[in-house]
Amino acid sequence: MRMSDHPSSLPPFLLDILRCPVAVRSTDHGPDPGRLRLVRDCWLVCDDSGLKYPVRDGIAIMLVEEGEKWRSTAEADLPVPPPAA
């Protein structure tokens, strides 16, 4: 089975170290801004910035343009798996 045949989750340790590139620059969100939550096993959501980053084939796509594209999409409406760019 190819990785692209199903949603790919991230190893838990990556959630501990990855941060939203927009929110991490802010001083308004406490001592650890930009923390991400894994949603639907293939999306990283930042509550501080509202950006949503897809995880494609096990790789987090942490581009600001990509996160902005999905900002207004409700978590329940995020496509699984994320579409190709």
PDB file of N, CA and C in Angstrom:
ATOM      1  N   MET A   1       0.845  -1.188   0.000  1.00  0.00           N
ATOM      2  CA  MET A   1       0.000   0.000   0.000  1.00  0.00           C
ATOM      3  C   MET A   1       0.886   1.246   0.000  1.00  0.00           C
ATOM      4  N   ARG A   2       0.595   2.176  -0.848  1.00  0.00           N
ATOM      5  CA  ARG A   2       1.334   3.428  -0.888  1.00  0.00           C
ATOM      6  C   ARG A   2       0.859   4.344   0.226  1.00  0.00           C
ATOM      7  N   MET A   3       1.753   5.234   0.688  1.00  0.00           N
ATOM      8  CA  MET A   3       1.390   6.172   1.747  1.00  0.00           C
ATOM      9  C   MET A   3       0.254   7.085   1.314  1.00  0.00           C
ATOM     10  N   SER A   4       0.185   7.414   0.029  1.00  0.00           N
ATOM     11  CA  SER A   4      -0.842   8.340  -0.438  1.00  0.00           C
ATOM     12  C   SER A   4      -2.224   7.697  -0.501  1.00  0.00           C
ATOM     13  N   ASP A   5      -2.319   6.390  -0.242  1.00  0.00           N
ATOM     14  CA  ASP A   5      -3.614   5.720  -0.257  1.00  0.00           C
ATOM     15  C   ASP A   5      -4.433   5.981   1.001  1.00  0.00           C
ATOM     16  N   HIS A   6      -3.815   6.533   2.025  1.00  0.00           N
ATOM     17  CA  HIS A   6      -4.522   6.794   3.276  1.00  0.00           C
ATOM     18  C   HIS A   6      -3.889   7.978   3.978  1.00  0.00           C
ATOM     19  N   PRO A   7      -4.624   8.596   4.927  1.00  0.00           N
ATOM     20  CA  PRO A   7      -4.058   9.720   5.664  1.00  0.00           C
ATOM     21  C   PRO A   7      -2.813   9.277   6.422  1.00  0.00           C
ATOM     22  N   SER A   8      -1.847  10.161   6.494  1.00  0.00           N
ATOM     23  CA  SER A   8      -0.607   9.848   7.183  1.00  0.00           C
ATOM     24  C   SER A   8      -0.472  10.731   8.406  1.00  0.00           C
ATOM     25  N   SER A   9      -0.385  10.109   9.538  1.00  0.00           N
ATOM     26  CA  SER A   9      -0.217  10.839  10.772  1.00  0.00           C
ATOM     27  C   SER A   9       1.262  11.146  10.979  1.00  0.00           C
ATOM     28  N   LEU A  10       1.523  12.027  11.914  1.00  0.00           N
ATOM     29  CA  LEU A  10       2.896  12.386  12.257  1.00  0.00           C
ATOM     30  C   LEU A  10       3.293  11.690  13.545  1.00  0.00           C
ATOM     31  N   PRO A  11       4.575  11.408  13.704  1.00  0.00           N
ATOM     32  CA  PRO A  11       5.043  10.873  14.980  1.00  0.00           C
ATOM     33  C   PRO A  11       4.761  11.894  16.094  1.00  0.00           C
ATOM     34  N   PRO A  12       4.360  11.432  17.272  1.00  0.00           N
ATOM     35  CA  PRO A  12       4.008  12.345  18.369  1.00  0.00           C
ATOM     36  C   PRO A  12       5.109  13.344  18.720  1.00  0.00           C
ATOM     37  N   PHE A  13       6.384  12.947  18.620  1.00  0.00           N
ATOM     38  CA  PHE A  13       7.449  13.877  18.999  1.00  0.00           C
ATOM     39  C   PHE A  13       7.478  15.114  18.096  1.00  0.00           C
ATOM     40  N   LEU A  14       7.003  14.986  16.851  1.00  0.00           N
ATOM     41  CA  LEU A  14       6.976  16.154  15.970  1.00  0.00           C
ATOM     42  C   LEU A  14       5.970  17.198  16.442  1.00  0.00           C
ATOM     43  N   LEU A  15       4.866  16.753  17.016  1.00  0.00           N
ATOM     44  CA  LEU A  15       3.895  17.712  17.553  1.00  0.00           C
ATOM     45  C   LEU A  15       4.498  18.495  18.709  1.00  0.00           C
ATOM     46  N   ASP A  16       5.453  17.894  19.401  1.00  0.00           N
ATOM     47  CA  ASP A  16       6.099  18.585  20.515  1.00  0.00           C
ATOM     48  C   ASP A  16       7.061  19.672  20.042  1.00  0.00           C
ATOM     49  N   ILE A  17       7.591  19.538  18.819  1.00  0.00           N
ATOM     50  CA  ILE A  17       8.599  20.504  18.383  1.00  0.00           C
ATOM     51  C   ILE A  17       8.134  21.436  17.263  1.00  0.00           C
ATOM     52  N   LEU A  18       7.190  21.015  16.436  1.00  0.00           N
ATOM     53  CA  LEU A  18       6.721  21.873  15.344  1.00  0.00           C
ATOM     54  C   LEU A  18       5.883  23.031  15.891  1.00  0.00           C
ATOM     55  N   ARG A  19       6.024  24.196  15.278  1.00  0.00           N
ATOM     56  CA  ARG A  19       5.239  25.372  15.647  1.00  0.00           C
ATOM     57  C   ARG A  19       4.796  26.080  14.374  1.00  0.00           C
ATOM     58  N   CYS A  20       3.678  26.752  14.450  1.00  0.00           N
ATOM     59  CA  CYS A  20       3.176  27.549  13.335  1.00  0.00           C
ATOM     60  C   CYS A  20       4.165  28.676  13.053  1.00  0.00           C
ATOM     61  N   PRO A  21       4.625  28.811  11.806  1.00  0.00           N
ATOM     62  CA  PRO A  21       5.601  29.851  11.491  1.00  0.00           C
ATOM     63  C   PRO A  21       5.065  31.281  11.620  1.00  0.00           C
ATOM     64  N   VAL A  22       3.759  31.449  11.637  1.00  0.00           N
ATOM     65  CA  VAL A  22       3.171  32.775  11.828  1.00  0.00           C
ATOM     66  C   VAL A  22       3.053  33.085  13.316  1.00  0.00           C
ATOM     67  N   ALA A  23       2.439  32.197  14.061  1.00  0.00           N
ATOM     68  CA  ALA A  23       2.170  32.446  15.481  1.00  0.00           C
ATOM     69  C   ALA A  23       3.434  32.465  16.327  1.00  0.00           C
ATOM     70  N   VAL A  24       4.454  31.737  15.917  1.00  0.00           N
ATOM     71  CA  VAL A  24       5.670  31.659  16.724  1.00  0.00           C
ATOM     72  C   VAL A  24       6.364  33.026  16.835  1.00  0.00           C
ATOM     73  N   ARG A  25       6.092  33.919  15.910  1.00  0.00           N
ATOM     74  CA  ARG A  25       6.683  35.258  15.933  1.00  0.00           C
ATOM     75  C   ARG A  25       5.926  36.214  16.854  1.00  0.00           C
ATOM     76  N   SER A  26       4.780  35.774  17.351  1.00  0.00           N
ATOM     77  CA  SER A  26       3.929  36.635  18.163  1.00  0.00           C
ATOM     78  C   SER A  26       4.329  36.583  19.634  1.00  0.00           C
ATOM     79  N   THR A  27       4.155  37.703  20.303  1.00  0.00           N
ATOM     80  CA  THR A  27       4.368  37.736  21.755  1.00  0.00           C
ATOM     81  C   THR A  27       3.026  37.783  22.484  1.00  0.00           C
ATOM     82  N   ASP A  28       1.939  37.706  21.739  1.00  0.00           N
ATOM     83  CA  ASP A  28       0.591  37.804  22.313  1.00  0.00           C
ATOM     84  C   ASP A  28       0.020  36.470  22.782  1.00  0.00           C
ATOM     85  N   HIS A  29       0.692  35.369  22.523  1.00  0.00           N
ATOM     86  CA  HIS A  29       0.110  34.054  22.779  1.00  0.00           C
ATOM     87  C   HIS A  29       0.829  33.259  23.872  1.00  0.00           C
ATOM     88  N   GLY A  30       1.412  33.940  24.819  1.00  0.00           N
ATOM     89  CA  GLY A  30       2.055  33.257  25.936  1.00  0.00           C
ATOM     90  C   GLY A  30       3.486  32.831  25.631  1.00  0.00           C
ATOM     91  N   PRO A  31       4.047  32.019  26.526  1.00  0.00           N
ATOM     92  CA  PRO A  31       5.457  31.647  26.415  1.00  0.00           C
ATOM     93  C   PRO A  31       5.767  30.613  25.329  1.00  0.00           C
ATOM     94  N   ASP A  32       4.760  29.930  24.794  1.00  0.00           N
ATOM     95  CA  ASP A  32       4.993  28.889  23.780  1.00  0.00           C
ATOM     96  C   ASP A  32       3.974  29.040  22.653  1.00  0.00           C
ATOM     97  N   PRO A  33       4.084  30.112  21.871  1.00  0.00           N
ATOM     98  CA  PRO A  33       3.098  30.346  20.808  1.00  0.00           C
ATOM     99  C   PRO A  33       3.257  29.379  19.643  1.00  0.00           C
ATOM    100  N   GLY A  34       2.162  29.165  18.937  1.00  0.00           N
ATOM    101  CA  GLY A  34       2.205  28.392  17.702  1.00  0.00           C
ATOM    102  C   GLY A  34       2.105  26.893  17.851  1.00  0.00           C
ATOM    103  N   ARG A  35       1.723  26.414  19.033  1.00  0.00           N
ATOM    104  CA  ARG A  35       1.555  24.966  19.196  1.00  0.00           C
ATOM    105  C   ARG A  35       0.506  24.468  18.214  1.00  0.00           C
ATOM    106  N   LEU A  36       0.677  23.240  17.767  1.00  0.00           N
ATOM    107  CA  LEU A  36      -0.201  22.657  16.755  1.00  0.00           C
ATOM    108  C   LEU A  36      -0.942  21.447  17.307  1.00  0.00           C
ATOM    109  N   ARG A  37      -2.158  21.275  16.828  1.00  0.00           N
ATOM    110  CA  ARG A  37      -2.959  20.091  17.150  1.00  0.00           C
ATOM    111  C   ARG A  37      -3.114  19.274  15.883  1.00  0.00           C
ATOM    112  N   LEU A  38      -3.050  17.956  16.024  1.00  0.00           N
ATOM    113  CA  LEU A  38      -3.289  17.066  14.889  1.00  0.00           C
ATOM    114  C   LEU A  38      -4.790  16.822  14.798  1.00  0.00           C
ATOM    115  N   VAL A  39      -5.357  17.152  13.650  1.00  0.00           N
ATOM    116  CA  VAL A  39      -6.794  17.033  13.423  1.00  0.00           C
ATOM    117  C   VAL A  39      -7.019  16.085  12.250  1.00  0.00           C
ATOM    118  N   ARG A  40      -7.920  15.148  12.440  1.00  0.00           N
ATOM    119  CA  ARG A  40      -8.317  14.191  11.398  1.00  0.00           C
ATOM    120  C   ARG A  40      -7.121  13.390  10.865  1.00  0.00           C
ATOM    121  N   ASP A  41      -6.085  13.251  11.676  1.00  0.00           N
ATOM    122  CA  ASP A  41      -4.871  12.491  11.367  1.00  0.00           C
ATOM    123  C   ASP A  41      -4.052  13.035  10.209  1.00  0.00           C
ATOM    124  N   CYS A  42      -4.454  14.157   9.615  1.00  0.00           N
ATOM    125  CA  CYS A  42      -3.678  14.661   8.480  1.00  0.00           C
ATOM    126  C   CYS A  42      -3.715  16.175   8.341  1.00  0.00           C
ATOM    127  N   TRP A  43      -4.028  16.869   9.437  1.00  0.00           N
ATOM    128  CA  TRP A  43      -4.007  18.326   9.433  1.00  0.00           C
ATOM    129  C   TRP A  43      -3.389  18.815  10.732  1.00  0.00           C
ATOM    130  N   LEU A  44      -2.557  19.838  10.639  1.00  0.00           N
ATOM    131  CA  LEU A  44      -2.015  20.509  11.814  1.00  0.00           C
ATOM    132  C   LEU A  44      -2.718  21.846  11.931  1.00  0.00           C
ATOM    133  N   VAL A  45      -3.348  22.081  13.079  1.00  0.00           N
ATOM    134  CA  VAL A  45      -4.138  23.286  13.289  1.00  0.00           C
ATOM    135  C   VAL A  45      -3.495  24.110  14.398  1.00  0.00           C
ATOM    136  N   CYS A  46      -3.318  25.394  14.132  1.00  0.00           N
ATOM    137  CA  CYS A  46      -2.785  26.317  15.125  1.00  0.00           C
ATOM    138  C   CYS A  46      -3.929  27.167  15.655  1.00  0.00           C
ATOM    139  N   ASP A  47      -4.227  27.039  16.940  1.00  0.00           N
ATOM    140  CA  ASP A  47      -5.304  27.827  17.529  1.00  0.00           C
ATOM    141  C   ASP A  47      -4.918  29.303  17.653  1.00  0.00           C
ATOM    142  N   ASP A  48      -3.617  29.594  17.759  1.00  0.00           N
ATOM    143  CA  ASP A  48      -3.171  30.978  17.899  1.00  0.00           C
ATOM    144  C   ASP A  48      -3.365  31.777  16.611  1.00  0.00           C
ATOM    145  N   SER A  49      -3.017  31.201  15.469  1.00  0.00           N
ATOM    146  CA  SER A  49      -3.109  31.927  14.194  1.00  0.00           C
ATOM    147  C   SER A  49      -4.356  31.564  13.391  1.00  0.00           C
ATOM    148  N   GLY A  50      -4.928  30.395  13.650  1.00  0.00           N
ATOM    149  CA  GLY A  50      -6.060  29.919  12.874  1.00  0.00           C
ATOM    150  C   GLY A  50      -5.653  29.207  11.591  1.00  0.00           C
ATOM    151  N   LEU A  51      -4.352  29.127  11.326  1.00  0.00           N
ATOM    152  CA  LEU A  51      -3.892  28.464  10.113  1.00  0.00           C
ATOM    153  C   LEU A  51      -3.988  26.948  10.249  1.00  0.00           C
ATOM    154  N   LYS A  52      -4.217  26.289   9.115  1.00  0.00           N
ATOM    155  CA  LYS A  52      -4.347  24.829   9.066  1.00  0.00           C
ATOM    156  C   LYS A  52      -3.401  24.306   7.991  1.00  0.00           C
ATOM    157  N   TYR A  53      -2.491  23.435   8.414  1.00  0.00           N
ATOM    158  CA  TYR A  53      -1.464  22.921   7.515  1.00  0.00           C
ATOM    159  C   TYR A  53      -1.726  21.450   7.203  1.00  0.00           C
ATOM    160  N   PRO A  54      -1.713  21.074   5.938  1.00  0.00           N
ATOM    161  CA  PRO A  54      -1.935  19.663   5.593  1.00  0.00           C
ATOM    162  C   PRO A  54      -0.695  18.816   5.858  1.00  0.00           C
ATOM    163  N   VAL A  55      -0.945  17.535   6.107  1.00  0.00           N
ATOM    164  CA  VAL A  55       0.124  16.543   6.205  1.00  0.00           C
ATOM    165  C   VAL A  55      -0.085  15.612   5.023  1.00  0.00           C
ATOM    166  N   ARG A  56       0.862  15.648   4.083  1.00  0.00           N
ATOM    167  CA  ARG A  56       0.752  14.825   2.875  1.00  0.00           C
ATOM    168  C   ARG A  56       1.851  13.778   2.889  1.00  0.00           C
ATOM    169  N   ASP A  57       1.475  12.524   2.758  1.00  0.00           N
ATOM    170  CA  ASP A  57       2.437  11.422   2.748  1.00  0.00           C
ATOM    171  C   ASP A  57       3.383  11.492   3.938  1.00  0.00           C
ATOM    172  N   GLY A  58       2.843  11.862   5.099  1.00  0.00           N
ATOM    173  CA  GLY A  58       3.632  11.913   6.330  1.00  0.00           C
ATOM    174  C   GLY A  58       4.496  13.148   6.475  1.00  0.00           C
ATOM    175  N   ILE A  59       4.359  14.116   5.574  1.00  0.00           N
ATOM    176  CA  ILE A  59       5.171  15.332   5.612  1.00  0.00           C
ATOM    177  C   ILE A  59       4.264  16.527   5.893  1.00  0.00           C
ATOM    178  N   ALA A  60       4.581  17.257   6.952  1.00  0.00           N
ATOM    179  CA  ALA A  60       3.821  18.459   7.288  1.00  0.00           C
ATOM    180  C   ALA A  60       4.211  19.573   6.319  1.00  0.00           C
ATOM    181  N   ILE A  61       3.220  20.142   5.649  1.00  0.00           N
ATOM    182  CA  ILE A  61       3.451  21.225   4.700  1.00  0.00           C
ATOM    183  C   ILE A  61       3.258  22.538   5.462  1.00  0.00           C
ATOM    184  N   MET A  62       4.351  23.050   6.015  1.00  0.00           N
ATOM    185  CA  MET A  62       4.290  24.202   6.916  1.00  0.00           C
ATOM    186  C   MET A  62       4.538  25.527   6.189  1.00  0.00           C
ATOM    187  N   LEU A  63       4.038  25.648   4.981  1.00  0.00           N
ATOM    188  CA  LEU A  63       4.138  26.895   4.230  1.00  0.00           C
ATOM    189  C   LEU A  63       2.993  27.817   4.633  1.00  0.00           C
ATOM    190  N   VAL A  64       3.303  29.078   4.884  1.00  0.00           N
ATOM    191  CA  VAL A  64       2.279  30.034   5.313  1.00  0.00           C
ATOM    192  C   VAL A  64       1.153  30.113   4.287  1.00  0.00           C
ATOM    193  N   GLU A  65       1.506  30.127   2.990  1.00  0.00           N
ATOM    194  CA  GLU A  65       0.473  30.217   1.943  1.00  0.00           C
ATOM    195  C   GLU A  65      -0.488  29.033   2.035  1.00  0.00           C
ATOM    196  N   GLU A  66       0.036  27.862   2.348  1.00  0.00           N
ATOM    197  CA  GLU A  66      -0.797  26.659   2.455  1.00  0.00           C
ATOM    198  C   GLU A  66      -1.710  26.760   3.673  1.00  0.00           C
ATOM    199  N   GLY A  67      -1.178  27.195   4.793  1.00  0.00           N
ATOM    200  CA  GLY A  67      -1.985  27.354   6.004  1.00  0.00           C
ATOM    201  C   GLY A  67      -3.078  28.393   5.842  1.00  0.00           C
ATOM    202  N   GLU A  68      -2.753  29.486   5.159  1.00  0.00           N
ATOM    203  CA  GLU A  68      -3.733  30.555   4.908  1.00  0.00           C
ATOM    204  C   GLU A  68      -4.882  30.064   4.039  1.00  0.00           C
ATOM    205  N   LYS A  69      -4.557  29.219   3.075  1.00  0.00           N
ATOM    206  CA  LYS A  69      -5.558  28.721   2.128  1.00  0.00           C
ATOM    207  C   LYS A  69      -6.706  28.004   2.848  1.00  0.00           C
ATOM    208  N   TRP A  70      -6.413  27.369   3.985  1.00  0.00           N
ATOM    209  CA  TRP A  70      -7.407  26.561   4.694  1.00  0.00           C
ATOM    210  C   TRP A  70      -7.946  27.235   5.958  1.00  0.00           C
ATOM    211  N   ARG A  71      -7.514  28.460   6.236  1.00  0.00           N
ATOM    212  CA  ARG A  71      -7.880  29.137   7.480  1.00  0.00           C
ATOM    213  C   ARG A  71      -9.390  29.182   7.709  1.00  0.00           C
ATOM    214  N   SER A  72     -10.159  29.501   6.704  1.00  0.00           N
ATOM    215  CA  SER A  72     -11.608  29.669   6.887  1.00  0.00           C
ATOM    216  C   SER A  72     -12.391  28.355   6.779  1.00  0.00           C
ATOM    217  N   THR A  73     -11.702  27.253   6.509  1.00  0.00           N
ATOM    218  CA  THR A  73     -12.376  25.963   6.421  1.00  0.00           C
ATOM    219  C   THR A  73     -12.552  25.385   7.822  1.00  0.00           C
ATOM    220  N   ALA A  74     -13.775  24.997   8.158  1.00  0.00           N
ATOM    221  CA  ALA A  74     -14.030  24.387   9.469  1.00  0.00           C
ATOM    222  C   ALA A  74     -13.274  23.061   9.561  1.00  0.00           C
ATOM    223  N   GLU A  75     -12.830  22.733  10.759  1.00  0.00           N
ATOM    224  CA  GLU A  75     -12.079  21.488  10.950  1.00  0.00           C
ATOM    225  C   GLU A  75     -12.841  20.280  10.423  1.00  0.00           C
ATOM    226  N   ALA A  76     -14.139  20.245  10.634  1.00  0.00           N
ATOM    227  CA  ALA A  76     -14.954  19.114  10.180  1.00  0.00           C
ATOM    228  C   ALA A  76     -15.029  19.033   8.655  1.00  0.00           C
ATOM    229  N   ASP A  77     -14.725  20.134   7.976  1.00  0.00           N
ATOM    230  CA  ASP A  77     -14.807  20.177   6.514  1.00  0.00           C
ATOM    231  C   ASP A  77     -13.454  20.016   5.820  1.00  0.00           C
ATOM    232  N   LEU A  78     -12.383  19.862   6.583  1.00  0.00           N
ATOM    233  CA  LEU A  78     -11.068  19.668   5.978  1.00  0.00           C
ATOM    234  C   LEU A  78     -11.047  18.333   5.252  1.00  0.00           C
ATOM    235  N   PRO A  79     -10.605  18.317   4.001  1.00  0.00           N
ATOM    236  CA  PRO A  79     -10.633  17.068   3.236  1.00  0.00           C
ATOM    237  C   PRO A  79      -9.599  16.049   3.725  1.00  0.00           C
ATOM    238  N   VAL A  80     -10.011  14.801   3.729  1.00  0.00           N
ATOM    239  CA  VAL A  80      -9.137  13.697   4.124  1.00  0.00           C
ATOM    240  C   VAL A  80      -9.098  12.721   2.970  1.00  0.00           C
ATOM    241  N   PRO A  81      -7.924  12.449   2.429  1.00  0.00           N
ATOM    242  CA  PRO A  81      -6.652  13.120   2.708  1.00  0.00           C
ATOM    243  C   PRO A  81      -6.626  14.506   2.084  1.00  0.00           C
ATOM    244  N   PRO A  82      -5.679  15.344   2.534  1.00  0.00           N
ATOM    245  CA  PRO A  82      -5.569  16.674   1.931  1.00  0.00           C
ATOM    246  C   PRO A  82      -5.278  16.567   0.435  1.00  0.00           C
ATOM    247  N   PRO A  83      -5.847  17.464  -0.352  1.00  0.00           N
ATOM    248  CA  PRO A  83      -5.588  17.418  -1.795  1.00  0.00           C
ATOM    249  C   PRO A  83      -4.145  17.781  -2.109  1.00  0.00           C
ATOM    250  N   ALA A  84      -3.676  17.322  -3.237  1.00  0.00           N
ATOM    251  CA  ALA A  84      -2.331  17.690  -3.684  1.00  0.00           C
ATOM    252  C   ALA A  84      -2.293  19.183  -3.976  1.00  0.00           C
ATOM    253  N   ALA A  85      -1.136  19.760  -3.801  1.00  0.00           N
ATOM    254  CA  ALA A  85      -1.000  21.213  -3.987  1.00  0.00           C
ATOM    255  C   ALA A  85      -1.186  21.608  -5.433  1.00  0.00           C
TER     256      ALA A  85
END
